[in-house]
Amino acid sequence: MTAKKKKAKTKMKLTRKEEARYVEKAKGQFHEDGTCEIDDHAKVSWAPECGGAYVQSWVWVADEEEIPFG
């Protein structure tokens, strides 16, 4: 195995450009203002063994009228 192939095989972190691609794809699939929002610089957790990545998002949860506290 060449050094280049070995390096590609052991890569554990995405570049910022690669993370941005996942963020843009997540926005296209899931972003909905006020319901599920994804920031431009959302955290990305790459899971190559699963064939993708987790992208941080904000999900709206209603206040105490909908969810009783205490």
N, C-alpha and C. Protein backbone atom coordinates (compact mmCIF):
# COMPACT_ATOMS: atom_id res chain seq x y z
N MET A 1 0.86 -1.18 0.00
CA MET A 1 0.00 0.00 0.00
C MET A 1 0.90 1.24 0.00
N THR A 2 0.58 2.18 -0.86
CA THR A 2 1.38 3.40 -0.92
C THR A 2 1.07 4.30 0.26
N ALA A 3 1.98 5.23 0.54
CA ALA A 3 1.79 6.16 1.66
C ALA A 3 0.54 7.01 1.45
N LYS A 4 0.28 7.39 0.20
CA LYS A 4 -0.89 8.22 -0.10
C LYS A 4 -2.18 7.46 0.19
N LYS A 5 -2.26 6.21 -0.22
CA LYS A 5 -3.46 5.40 0.04
C LYS A 5 -3.64 5.17 1.53
N LYS A 6 -2.53 4.92 2.23
CA LYS A 6 -2.60 4.70 3.67
C LYS A 6 -3.13 5.95 4.37
N LYS A 7 -2.65 7.13 3.97
CA LYS A 7 -3.10 8.38 4.57
C LYS A 7 -4.59 8.58 4.31
N ALA A 8 -5.05 8.33 3.10
CA ALA A 8 -6.47 8.49 2.76
C ALA A 8 -7.33 7.51 3.57
N LYS A 9 -6.82 6.32 3.79
CA LYS A 9 -7.57 5.31 4.51
C LYS A 9 -7.70 5.64 6.00
N THR A 10 -6.72 6.34 6.57
CA THR A 10 -6.73 6.64 8.00
C THR A 10 -7.24 8.05 8.31
N LYS A 11 -7.70 8.77 7.31
CA LYS A 11 -8.20 10.13 7.53
C LYS A 11 -9.36 10.12 8.52
N MET A 12 -9.28 10.95 9.55
CA MET A 12 -10.30 10.94 10.59
C MET A 12 -11.04 12.27 10.72
N LYS A 13 -10.64 13.30 9.99
CA LYS A 13 -11.26 14.61 10.13
C LYS A 13 -11.53 15.21 8.76
N LEU A 14 -12.65 15.90 8.66
CA LEU A 14 -13.01 16.57 7.42
C LEU A 14 -12.37 17.95 7.36
N THR A 15 -12.14 18.44 6.14
CA THR A 15 -11.70 19.81 5.97
C THR A 15 -12.92 20.72 6.16
N ARG A 16 -12.70 22.01 6.33
CA ARG A 16 -13.82 22.95 6.46
C ARG A 16 -14.70 22.94 5.21
N LYS A 17 -14.06 22.80 4.06
CA LYS A 17 -14.81 22.75 2.81
C LYS A 17 -15.72 21.52 2.75
N GLU A 18 -15.21 20.38 3.21
CA GLU A 18 -16.01 19.16 3.24
C GLU A 18 -17.15 19.29 4.25
N GLU A 19 -16.87 19.88 5.42
CA GLU A 19 -17.92 20.10 6.41
C GLU A 19 -19.00 21.00 5.83
N ALA A 20 -18.60 22.05 5.12
CA ALA A 20 -19.57 22.98 4.52
C ALA A 20 -20.50 22.27 3.54
N ARG A 21 -19.98 21.29 2.83
CA ARG A 21 -20.83 20.52 1.89
C ARG A 21 -21.91 19.75 2.64
N TYR A 22 -21.54 19.15 3.78
CA TYR A 22 -22.54 18.43 4.58
C TYR A 22 -23.57 19.41 5.15
N VAL A 23 -23.12 20.58 5.60
CA VAL A 23 -24.05 21.58 6.14
C VAL A 23 -25.03 22.01 5.06
N GLU A 24 -24.55 22.29 3.87
CA GLU A 24 -25.43 22.72 2.78
C GLU A 24 -26.41 21.62 2.39
N LYS A 25 -25.96 20.39 2.38
CA LYS A 25 -26.86 19.27 2.05
C LYS A 25 -27.93 19.13 3.12
N ALA A 26 -27.53 19.25 4.40
CA ALA A 26 -28.50 19.15 5.50
C ALA A 26 -29.52 20.28 5.42
N LYS A 27 -29.06 21.48 5.10
CA LYS A 27 -29.99 22.61 4.96
C LYS A 27 -31.01 22.34 3.86
N GLY A 28 -30.54 21.81 2.73
CA GLY A 28 -31.43 21.51 1.62
C GLY A 28 -32.47 20.45 1.97
N GLN A 29 -32.10 19.50 2.80
CA GLN A 29 -33.00 18.41 3.15
C GLN A 29 -33.89 18.70 4.35
N PHE A 30 -33.39 19.44 5.35
CA PHE A 30 -34.10 19.52 6.62
C PHE A 30 -34.43 20.92 7.14
N HIS A 31 -33.72 21.95 6.68
CA HIS A 31 -33.92 23.29 7.25
C HIS A 31 -35.33 23.81 6.98
N GLU A 32 -35.98 24.24 8.04
CA GLU A 32 -37.30 24.85 7.94
C GLU A 32 -37.37 25.93 9.03
N ASP A 33 -37.40 27.19 8.61
CA ASP A 33 -37.39 28.30 9.57
C ASP A 33 -38.41 28.10 10.68
N GLY A 34 -37.96 28.25 11.92
CA GLY A 34 -38.85 28.14 13.07
C GLY A 34 -39.13 26.72 13.54
N THR A 35 -38.70 25.74 12.78
CA THR A 35 -38.94 24.34 13.15
C THR A 35 -37.63 23.58 13.33
N CYS A 36 -36.84 23.53 12.28
CA CYS A 36 -35.53 22.89 12.31
C CYS A 36 -34.56 23.81 11.57
N GLU A 37 -33.64 24.43 12.31
CA GLU A 37 -32.72 25.39 11.70
C GLU A 37 -31.29 24.91 11.81
N ILE A 38 -30.52 25.17 10.75
CA ILE A 38 -29.13 24.74 10.68
C ILE A 38 -28.28 25.98 10.41
N ASP A 39 -27.34 26.26 11.32
CA ASP A 39 -26.45 27.40 11.17
C ASP A 39 -25.43 27.15 10.08
N ASP A 40 -24.90 28.24 9.51
CA ASP A 40 -23.87 28.13 8.46
C ASP A 40 -22.64 27.37 8.94
N HIS A 41 -22.27 27.55 10.20
CA HIS A 41 -21.07 26.90 10.73
C HIS A 41 -21.43 25.84 11.78
N ALA A 42 -22.47 25.06 11.47
CA ALA A 42 -22.91 23.99 12.38
C ALA A 42 -21.79 22.96 12.55
N LYS A 43 -21.75 22.34 13.71
CA LYS A 43 -20.78 21.27 13.94
C LYS A 43 -21.14 20.06 13.08
N VAL A 44 -20.12 19.41 12.57
CA VAL A 44 -20.31 18.22 11.74
C VAL A 44 -19.52 17.08 12.36
N SER A 45 -20.19 15.96 12.57
CA SER A 45 -19.55 14.77 13.11
C SER A 45 -19.57 13.71 12.01
N TRP A 46 -18.42 13.50 11.42
CA TRP A 46 -18.29 12.60 10.28
C TRP A 46 -18.34 11.15 10.74
N ALA A 47 -19.13 10.33 10.07
CA ALA A 47 -19.24 8.90 10.38
C ALA A 47 -19.03 8.10 9.09
N PRO A 48 -17.77 8.01 8.64
CA PRO A 48 -17.51 7.35 7.35
C PRO A 48 -17.95 5.89 7.32
N GLU A 49 -17.93 5.24 8.49
CA GLU A 49 -18.36 3.84 8.54
C GLU A 49 -19.85 3.70 8.27
N CYS A 50 -20.59 4.81 8.42
CA CYS A 50 -22.03 4.82 8.16
C CYS A 50 -22.37 5.47 6.82
N GLY A 51 -21.37 6.03 6.18
CA GLY A 51 -21.59 6.64 4.87
C GLY A 51 -22.17 8.04 4.92
N GLY A 52 -21.82 8.82 5.94
CA GLY A 52 -22.34 10.19 6.03
C GLY A 52 -21.82 10.92 7.24
N ALA A 53 -22.63 11.88 7.71
CA ALA A 53 -22.23 12.71 8.85
C ALA A 53 -23.46 13.21 9.59
N TYR A 54 -23.27 13.52 10.86
CA TYR A 54 -24.31 14.17 11.65
C TYR A 54 -24.04 15.67 11.59
N VAL A 55 -25.09 16.46 11.38
CA VAL A 55 -24.96 17.92 11.31
C VAL A 55 -25.81 18.53 12.42
N GLN A 56 -25.19 19.39 13.22
CA GLN A 56 -25.87 20.05 14.33
C GLN A 56 -27.02 20.90 13.81
N SER A 57 -28.15 20.85 14.52
CA SER A 57 -29.29 21.69 14.14
C SER A 57 -30.00 22.18 15.39
N TRP A 58 -30.86 23.15 15.19
CA TRP A 58 -31.71 23.69 16.25
C TRP A 58 -33.13 23.24 15.97
N VAL A 59 -33.75 22.62 16.96
CA VAL A 59 -35.13 22.15 16.80
C VAL A 59 -36.00 22.90 17.80
N TRP A 60 -37.09 23.48 17.32
CA TRP A 60 -37.99 24.25 18.16
C TRP A 60 -38.76 23.33 19.09
N VAL A 61 -38.78 23.67 20.38
CA VAL A 61 -39.57 22.97 21.39
C VAL A 61 -40.44 24.02 22.06
N ALA A 62 -41.75 23.79 22.09
CA ALA A 62 -42.70 24.76 22.64
C ALA A 62 -42.48 24.97 24.14
N ASP A 63 -43.02 26.05 24.66
CA ASP A 63 -42.83 26.39 26.07
C ASP A 63 -43.74 25.58 26.99
N GLU A 64 -43.91 26.04 28.21
CA GLU A 64 -44.62 25.29 29.26
C GLU A 64 -46.06 24.93 28.92
N GLU A 65 -46.70 25.66 28.03
CA GLU A 65 -48.08 25.31 27.67
C GLU A 65 -48.14 23.92 27.03
N GLU A 66 -47.11 23.56 26.30
CA GLU A 66 -47.07 22.29 25.61
C GLU A 66 -46.38 21.19 26.43
N ILE A 67 -45.38 21.57 27.23
CA ILE A 67 -44.62 20.61 28.01
C ILE A 67 -44.67 21.04 29.48
N PRO A 68 -45.40 20.32 30.31
CA PRO A 68 -45.48 20.69 31.73
C PRO A 68 -44.14 20.45 32.43
N PHE A 69 -43.67 21.45 33.17
CA PHE A 69 -42.44 21.33 33.94
C PHE A 69 -42.78 21.18 35.40
N GLY A 70 -41.98 20.42 36.14
CA GLY A 70 -42.11 20.32 37.58
C GLY A 70 -42.96 19.24 37.97
